[in-house]
PDB file of N, CA and C in Angstrom:
ATOM      1  N   MET A   1     168.000  88.041 102.547  1.00  0.00           N
ATOM      2  CA  MET A   1     167.278  88.318 101.473  1.00  0.00           C
ATOM      3  C   MET A   1     165.953  89.036 101.880  1.00  0.00           C
ATOM      4  N   ALA A   2     165.759  90.054 101.243  1.00  0.00           N
ATOM      5  CA  ALA A   2     164.560  91.024 101.519  1.00  0.00           C
ATOM      6  C   ALA A   2     163.315  90.383 101.232  1.00  0.00           C
ATOM      7  N   ILE A   3     162.243  90.677 101.732  1.00  0.00           N
ATOM      8  CA  ILE A   3     160.865  90.324 101.252  1.00  0.00           C
ATOM      9  C   ILE A   3     160.179  91.506 100.716  1.00  0.00           C
ATOM     10  N   TYR A   4     159.664  91.379  99.570  1.00  0.00           N
ATOM     11  CA  TYR A   4     159.159  92.615  98.866  1.00  0.00           C
ATOM     12  C   TYR A   4     157.653  92.580  98.700  1.00  0.00           C
ATOM     13  N   ASP A   5     157.143  93.759  98.112  1.00  0.00           N
ATOM     14  CA  ASP A   5     155.727  93.989  97.612  1.00  0.00           C
ATOM     15  C   ASP A   5     154.726  93.469  98.686  1.00  0.00           C
ATOM     16  N   ASP A   6     154.229  92.271  98.501  1.00  0.00           N
ATOM     17  CA  ASP A   6     153.214  91.830  99.467  1.00  0.00           C
ATOM     18  C   ASP A   6     153.780  91.551 100.902  1.00  0.00           C
ATOM     19  N   LYS A   7     154.931  91.438 101.024  1.00  0.00           N
ATOM     20  CA  LYS A   7     155.622  91.146 102.338  1.00  0.00           C
ATOM     21  C   LYS A   7     155.069  89.982 102.959  1.00  0.00           C
ATOM     22  N   TRP A   8     155.120  88.779 102.317  1.00  0.00           N
ATOM     23  CA  TRP A   8     154.668  87.495 102.936  1.00  0.00           C
ATOM     24  C   TRP A   8     155.643  86.498 102.770  1.00  0.00           C
ATOM     25  N   PHE A   9     155.597  85.541 103.544  1.00  0.00           N
ATOM     26  CA  PHE A   9     156.393  84.251 103.470  1.00  0.00           C
ATOM     27  C   PHE A   9     155.622  83.146 103.999  1.00  0.00           C
ATOM     28  N   GLU A  10     156.020  81.923 103.480  1.00  0.00           N
ATOM     29  CA  GLU A  10     155.379  80.682 104.054  1.00  0.00           C
ATOM     30  C   GLU A  10     156.573  79.750 104.362  1.00  0.00           C
ATOM     31  N   VAL A  11     156.307  78.854 105.364  1.00  0.00           N
ATOM     32  CA  VAL A  11     157.356  77.891 105.788  1.00  0.00           C
ATOM     33  C   VAL A  11     156.745  76.710 105.185  1.00  0.00           C
ATOM     34  N   TRP A  12     157.771  75.853 104.587  1.00  0.00           N
ATOM     35  CA  TRP A  12     157.284  74.477 104.119  1.00  0.00           C
ATOM     36  C   TRP A  12     158.237  73.440 104.783  1.00  0.00           C
ATOM     37  N   PHE A  13     157.751  72.246 105.010  1.00  0.00           N
ATOM     38  CA  PHE A  13     158.649  71.252 105.817  1.00  0.00           C
ATOM     39  C   PHE A  13     158.533  69.894 105.091  1.00  0.00           C
ATOM     40  N   GLU A  14     159.585  69.212 105.412  1.00  0.00           N
ATOM     41  CA  GLU A  14     159.644  67.842 104.994  1.00  0.00           C
ATOM     42  C   GLU A  14     159.509  67.004 106.347  1.00  0.00           C
ATOM     43  N   GLU A  15     158.682  66.074 106.286  1.00  0.00           N
ATOM     44  CA  GLU A  15     158.375  65.377 107.659  1.00  0.00           C
ATOM     45  C   GLU A  15     159.720  64.668 108.101  1.00  0.00           C
ATOM     46  N   GLY A  16     159.870  64.699 109.364  1.00  0.00           N
ATOM     47  CA  GLY A  16     161.065  64.059 110.042  1.00  0.00           C
ATOM     48  C   GLY A  16     160.402  63.295 111.197  1.00  0.00           C
ATOM     49  N   SER A  17     161.011  63.525 112.422  1.00  0.00           N
ATOM     50  CA  SER A  17     160.559  62.731 113.542  1.00  0.00           C
ATOM     51  C   SER A  17     159.231  63.458 114.067  1.00  0.00           C
ATOM     52  N   ASP A  18     158.845  62.858 115.140  1.00  0.00           N
ATOM     53  CA  ASP A  18     157.441  63.237 115.674  1.00  0.00           C
ATOM     54  C   ASP A  18     157.562  64.614 116.254  1.00  0.00           C
ATOM     55  N   VAL A  19     158.747  65.129 116.444  1.00  0.00           N
ATOM     56  CA  VAL A  19     158.900  66.457 117.157  1.00  0.00           C
ATOM     57  C   VAL A  19     159.383  67.629 116.161  1.00  0.00           C
ATOM     58  N   ILE A  20     160.278  67.254 115.422  1.00  0.00           N
ATOM     59  CA  ILE A  20     161.000  68.038 114.566  1.00  0.00           C
ATOM     60  C   ILE A  20     160.921  67.764 113.072  1.00  0.00           C
ATOM     61  N   PRO A  21     160.587  68.749 112.168  1.00  0.00           N
ATOM     62  CA  PRO A  21     160.652  68.357 110.791  1.00  0.00           C
ATOM     63  C   PRO A  21     162.048  68.126 110.360  1.00  0.00           C
ATOM     64  N   LEU A  22     162.263  67.328 109.296  1.00  0.00           N
ATOM     65  CA  LEU A  22     163.548  67.003 108.858  1.00  0.00           C
ATOM     66  C   LEU A  22     164.103  68.292 108.106  1.00  0.00           C
ATOM     67  N   TYR A  23     163.298  69.035 107.425  1.00  0.00           N
ATOM     68  CA  TYR A  23     163.872  70.004 106.566  1.00  0.00           C
ATOM     69  C   TYR A  23     162.908  71.144 106.509  1.00  0.00           C
ATOM     70  N   LEU A  24     163.359  72.346 106.573  1.00  0.00           N
ATOM     71  CA  LEU A  24     162.409  73.583 106.407  1.00  0.00           C
ATOM     72  C   LEU A  24     162.747  74.441 105.244  1.00  0.00           C
ATOM     73  N   LEU A  25     161.980  74.956 104.443  1.00  0.00           N
ATOM     74  CA  LEU A  25     162.267  75.883 103.274  1.00  0.00           C
ATOM     75  C   LEU A  25     161.225  77.072 103.434  1.00  0.00           C
ATOM     76  N   ILE A  26     161.656  78.128 102.904  1.00  0.00           N
ATOM     77  CA  ILE A  26     160.838  79.367 102.961  1.00  0.00           C
ATOM     78  C   ILE A  26     160.451  79.743 101.497  1.00  0.00           C
ATOM     79  N   VAL A  27     159.291  80.088 101.412  1.00  0.00           N
ATOM     80  CA  VAL A  27     158.814  80.480 100.216  1.00  0.00           C
ATOM     81  C   VAL A  27     158.273  81.942 100.244  1.00  0.00           C
ATOM     82  N   THR A  28     158.696  82.835  99.249  1.00  0.00           N
ATOM     83  CA  THR A  28     158.357  84.247  99.205  1.00  0.00           C
ATOM     84  C   THR A  28     158.464  84.793  97.886  1.00  0.00           C
ATOM     85  N   GLN A  29     158.197  85.999  97.775  1.00  0.00           N
ATOM     86  CA  GLN A  29     158.233  86.771  96.397  1.00  0.00           C
ATOM     87  C   GLN A  29     159.405  87.677  96.523  1.00  0.00           C
ATOM     88  N   ASN A  30     160.190  87.616  95.411  1.00  0.00           N
ATOM     89  CA  ASN A  30     161.324  88.547  95.493  1.00  0.00           C
ATOM     90  C   ASN A  30     161.019  89.960  94.923  1.00  0.00           C
ATOM     91  N   GLU A  31     162.101  90.796  94.860  1.00  0.00           N
ATOM     92  CA  GLU A  31     161.881  92.194  94.196  1.00  0.00           C
ATOM     93  C   GLU A  31     161.422  92.204  92.779  1.00  0.00           C
ATOM     94  N   LYS A  32     161.603  91.081  91.990  1.00  0.00           N
ATOM     95  CA  LYS A  32     161.300  91.046  90.621  1.00  0.00           C
ATOM     96  C   LYS A  32     159.861  90.365  90.490  1.00  0.00           C
ATOM     97  N   GLY A  33     159.280  89.953  91.474  1.00  0.00           N
ATOM     98  CA  GLY A  33     157.942  89.428  91.483  1.00  0.00           C
ATOM     99  C   GLY A  33     158.048  87.909  91.262  1.00  0.00           C
ATOM    100  N   LYS A  34     158.993  87.305  91.187  1.00  0.00           N
ATOM    101  CA  LYS A  34     159.222  85.900  91.043  1.00  0.00           C
ATOM    102  C   LYS A  34     158.881  85.189  92.435  1.00  0.00           C
ATOM    103  N   ILE A  35     158.423  84.003  92.462  1.00  0.00           N
ATOM    104  CA  ILE A  35     158.451  83.311  93.672  1.00  0.00           C
ATOM    105  C   ILE A  35     159.568  82.467  93.931  1.00  0.00           C
ATOM    106  N   VAL A  36     160.182  82.715  95.019  1.00  0.00           N
ATOM    107  CA  VAL A  36     161.405  81.939  95.379  1.00  0.00           C
ATOM    108  C   VAL A  36     161.351  81.085  96.405  1.00  0.00           C
ATOM    109  N   ILE A  37     162.115  79.884  96.305  1.00  0.00           N
ATOM    110  CA  ILE A  37     162.184  78.930  97.478  1.00  0.00           C
ATOM    111  C   ILE A  37     163.726  79.070  98.037  1.00  0.00           C
ATOM    112  N   ILE A  38     163.573  79.244  99.289  1.00  0.00           N
ATOM    113  CA  ILE A  38     165.007  79.616 100.041  1.00  0.00           C
ATOM    114  C   ILE A  38     165.234  78.577 101.043  1.00  0.00           C
ATOM    115  N   ASP A  39     166.449  78.149 101.095  1.00  0.00           N
ATOM    116  CA  ASP A  39     167.092  77.328 102.153  1.00  0.00           C
ATOM    117  C   ASP A  39     167.760  78.016 103.133  1.00  0.00           C
ATOM    118  N   PRO A  40     167.106  78.260 104.405  1.00  0.00           N
ATOM    119  CA  PRO A  40     167.845  79.084 105.316  1.00  0.00           C
ATOM    120  C   PRO A  40     168.997  78.420 105.954  1.00  0.00           C
ATOM    121  N   LEU A  41     169.260  77.132 105.873  1.00  0.00           N
ATOM    122  CA  LEU A  41     170.512  76.477 106.298  1.00  0.00           C
ATOM    123  C   LEU A  41     171.633  76.785 105.455  1.00  0.00           C
ATOM    124  N   LEU A  42     171.323  77.142 104.224  1.00  0.00           N
ATOM    125  CA  LEU A  42     172.346  77.316 103.160  1.00  0.00           C
ATOM    126  C   LEU A  42     172.565  78.884 102.989  1.00  0.00           C
ATOM    127  N   LYS A  43     172.373  79.705 104.181  1.00  0.00           N
ATOM    128  CA  LYS A  43     172.521  81.055 103.997  1.00  0.00           C
ATOM    129  C   LYS A  43     171.636  81.701 103.095  1.00  0.00           C
ATOM    130  N   ASN A  44     170.310  81.145 103.045  1.00  0.00           N
ATOM    131  CA  ASN A  44     169.292  81.701 102.237  1.00  0.00           C
ATOM    132  C   ASN A  44     169.539  81.603 100.837  1.00  0.00           C
ATOM    133  N   LYS A  45     170.180  80.563 100.444  1.00  0.00           N
ATOM    134  CA  LYS A  45     170.305  80.324  98.999  1.00  0.00           C
ATOM    135  C   LYS A  45     169.015  80.018  98.414  1.00  0.00           C
ATOM    136  N   ILE A  46     168.839  80.646  97.219  1.00  0.00           N
ATOM    137  CA  ILE A  46     167.703  80.408  96.431  1.00  0.00           C
ATOM    138  C   ILE A  46     167.715  78.895  95.800  1.00  0.00           C
ATOM    139  N   LEU A  47     166.843  78.055  96.172  1.00  0.00           N
ATOM    140  CA  LEU A  47     166.878  76.627  95.560  1.00  0.00           C
ATOM    141  C   LEU A  47     166.007  76.560  94.203  1.00  0.00           C
ATOM    142  N   PHE A  48     165.113  77.438  94.129  1.00  0.00           N
ATOM    143  CA  PHE A  48     164.200  77.332  92.940  1.00  0.00           C
ATOM    144  C   PHE A  48     163.509  78.833  92.875  1.00  0.00           C
ATOM    145  N   GLU A  49     163.260  79.187  91.659  1.00  0.00           N
ATOM    146  CA  GLU A  49     162.639  80.451  91.170  1.00  0.00           C
ATOM    147  C   GLU A  49     161.602  80.143  90.220  1.00  0.00           C
ATOM    148  N   ALA A  50     160.273  80.572  90.547  1.00  0.00           N
ATOM    149  CA  ALA A  50     159.200  80.362  89.599  1.00  0.00           C
ATOM    150  C   ALA A  50     158.477  81.509  89.334  1.00  0.00           C
ATOM    151  N   ASP A  51     157.892  81.537  88.156  1.00  0.00           N
ATOM    152  CA  ASP A  51     157.115  82.792  87.574  1.00  0.00           C
ATOM    153  C   ASP A  51     155.920  82.993  88.206  1.00  0.00           C
ATOM    154  N   ASN A  52     155.304  81.881  88.934  1.00  0.00           N
ATOM    155  CA  ASN A  52     154.111  82.025  89.680  1.00  0.00           C
ATOM    156  C   ASN A  52     154.134  80.927  90.910  1.00  0.00           C
ATOM    157  N   TYR A  53     153.249  81.220  91.744  1.00  0.00           N
ATOM    158  CA  TYR A  53     153.129  80.403  92.977  1.00  0.00           C
ATOM    159  C   TYR A  53     152.825  78.925  92.709  1.00  0.00           C
ATOM    160  N   GLU A  54     152.012  78.727  91.801  1.00  0.00           N
ATOM    161  CA  GLU A  54     151.574  77.229  91.522  1.00  0.00           C
ATOM    162  C   GLU A  54     152.828  76.499  91.131  1.00  0.00           C
ATOM    163  N   ASP A  55     153.552  76.953  90.339  1.00  0.00           N
ATOM    164  CA  ASP A  55     154.718  76.222  89.798  1.00  0.00           C
ATOM    165  C   ASP A  55     155.783  75.934  91.117  1.00  0.00           C
ATOM    166  N   ALA A  56     155.904  76.895  91.985  1.00  0.00           N
ATOM    167  CA  ALA A  56     156.796  76.661  93.200  1.00  0.00           C
ATOM    168  C   ALA A  56     155.944  75.588  94.053  1.00  0.00           C
ATOM    169  N   VAL A  57     154.779  75.635  94.192  1.00  0.00           N
ATOM    170  CA  VAL A  57     154.123  74.518  95.059  1.00  0.00           C
ATOM    171  C   VAL A  57     154.196  73.312  94.384  1.00  0.00           C
ATOM    172  N   HIS A  58     154.297  73.229  93.051  1.00  0.00           N
ATOM    173  CA  HIS A  58     154.391  72.004  92.375  1.00  0.00           C
ATOM    174  C   HIS A  58     155.830  71.421  92.563  1.00  0.00           C
ATOM    175  N   TRP A  59     156.870  72.328  92.473  1.00  0.00           N
ATOM    176  CA  TRP A  59     158.218  71.766  92.890  1.00  0.00           C
ATOM    177  C   TRP A  59     158.359  71.380  94.244  1.00  0.00           C
ATOM    178  N   LEU A  60     157.693  72.010  95.268  1.00  0.00           N
ATOM    179  CA  LEU A  60     157.697  71.659  96.598  1.00  0.00           C
ATOM    180  C   LEU A  60     157.023  70.133  96.769  1.00  0.00           C
ATOM    181  N   SER A  61     155.891  70.026  96.134  1.00  0.00           N
ATOM    182  CA  SER A  61     155.143  68.858  96.248  1.00  0.00           C
ATOM    183  C   SER A  61     155.843  67.594  95.609  1.00  0.00           C
ATOM    184  N   GLU A  62     156.585  67.849  94.604  1.00  0.00           N
ATOM    185  CA  GLU A  62     157.267  66.655  94.051  1.00  0.00           C
ATOM    186  C   GLU A  62     158.243  66.157  94.936  1.00  0.00           C
ATOM    187  N   ASP A  63     158.886  66.962  96.031  1.00  0.00           N
ATOM    188  CA  ASP A  63     159.831  66.481  96.950  1.00  0.00           C
ATOM    189  C   ASP A  63     158.971  66.227  98.273  1.00  0.00           C
ATOM    190  N   GLN A  64     157.591  66.103  98.196  1.00  0.00           N
ATOM    191  CA  GLN A  64     156.897  65.805  99.301  1.00  0.00           C
ATOM    192  C   GLN A  64     157.023  66.891 100.514  1.00  0.00           C
ATOM    193  N   PHE A  65     157.213  68.196 100.232  1.00  0.00           N
ATOM    194  CA  PHE A  65     156.983  69.147 101.292  1.00  0.00           C
ATOM    195  C   PHE A  65     155.537  69.423 101.514  1.00  0.00           C
ATOM    196  N   ASP A  66     155.385  69.831 102.709  1.00  0.00           N
ATOM    197  CA  ASP A  66     153.983  70.244 103.070  1.00  0.00           C
ATOM    198  C   ASP A  66     154.140  71.722 103.793  1.00  0.00           C
ATOM    199  N   ILE A  67     152.993  72.545 103.654  1.00  0.00           N
ATOM    200  CA  ILE A  67     153.079  73.856 104.110  1.00  0.00           C
ATOM    201  C   ILE A  67     152.735  73.880 105.638  1.00  0.00           C
ATOM    202  N   VAL A  68     153.535  74.577 106.253  1.00  0.00           N
ATOM    203  CA  VAL A  68     153.003  75.072 107.613  1.00  0.00           C
ATOM    204  C   VAL A  68     151.765  75.822 107.644  1.00  0.00           C
ATOM    205  N   GLU A  69     150.759  75.405 108.300  1.00  0.00           N
ATOM    206  CA  GLU A  69     149.466  76.117 108.148  1.00  0.00           C
ATOM    207  C   GLU A  69     149.625  77.705 108.541  1.00  0.00           C
ATOM    208  N   GLY A  70     149.084  78.525 107.714  1.00  0.00           N
ATOM    209  CA  GLY A  70     149.057  79.999 107.972  1.00  0.00           C
ATOM    210  C   GLY A  70     150.234  80.655 107.195  1.00  0.00           C
ATOM    211  N   ARG A  71     150.100  81.852 106.959  1.00  0.00           N
ATOM    212  CA  ARG A  71     151.075  82.832 106.353  1.00  0.00           C
ATOM    213  C   ARG A  71     151.071  83.924 107.284  1.00  0.00           C
ATOM    214  N   ILE A  72     152.549  84.141 107.369  1.00  0.00           N
ATOM    215  CA  ILE A  72     152.899  85.321 108.324  1.00  0.00           C
ATOM    216  C   ILE A  72     153.058  86.736 107.459  1.00  0.00           C
ATOM    217  N   PHE A  73     152.491  87.655 107.872  1.00  0.00           N
ATOM    218  CA  PHE A  73     152.648  88.972 107.188  1.00  0.00           C
ATOM    219  C   PHE A  73     153.525  89.852 107.992  1.00  0.00           C
ATOM    220  N   SER A  74     154.252  90.751 107.517  1.00  0.00           N
ATOM    221  CA  SER A  74     155.131  91.821 108.257  1.00  0.00           C
ATOM    222  C   SER A  74     154.287  92.571 109.253  1.00  0.00           C
ATOM    223  N   ASP A  75     152.902  92.820 108.879  1.00  0.00           N
ATOM    224  CA  ASP A  75     151.976  93.371 109.854  1.00  0.00           C
ATOM    225  C   ASP A  75     151.872  92.559 110.996  1.00  0.00           C
ATOM    226  N   ASP A  76     152.078  91.370 111.187  1.00  0.00           N
ATOM    227  CA  ASP A  76     151.931  90.516 112.459  1.00  0.00           C
ATOM    228  C   ASP A  76     152.989  90.764 113.318  1.00  0.00           C
ATOM    229  N   GLY A  77     153.958  91.686 112.951  1.00  0.00           N
ATOM    230  CA  GLY A  77     154.966  91.952 114.076  1.00  0.00           C
ATOM    231  C   GLY A  77     156.384  91.115 113.991  1.00  0.00           C
ATOM    232  N   TRP A  78     156.707  90.749 112.815  1.00  0.00           N
ATOM    233  CA  TRP A  78     157.973  90.022 112.674  1.00  0.00           C
ATOM    234  C   TRP A  78     159.039  90.874 112.361  1.00  0.00           C
TER     235      TRP A  78
END
């Protein structure tokens, strides 16, 4: 899946062991301006699509996901 417009993504995690999170999800904006939550383990399947960032965060919070601090931009060299 390509990342569009603002070219940003966030990584969200579900706590697991002391060393490795149990689960990771990616939040980004798609080409239509929707905020999507992607599961990289399921070949980047979209698990949830929201009209705005706040709805996506609410969906993640219901399942007790936390954000990895920081946002990575394409200008950062990825």
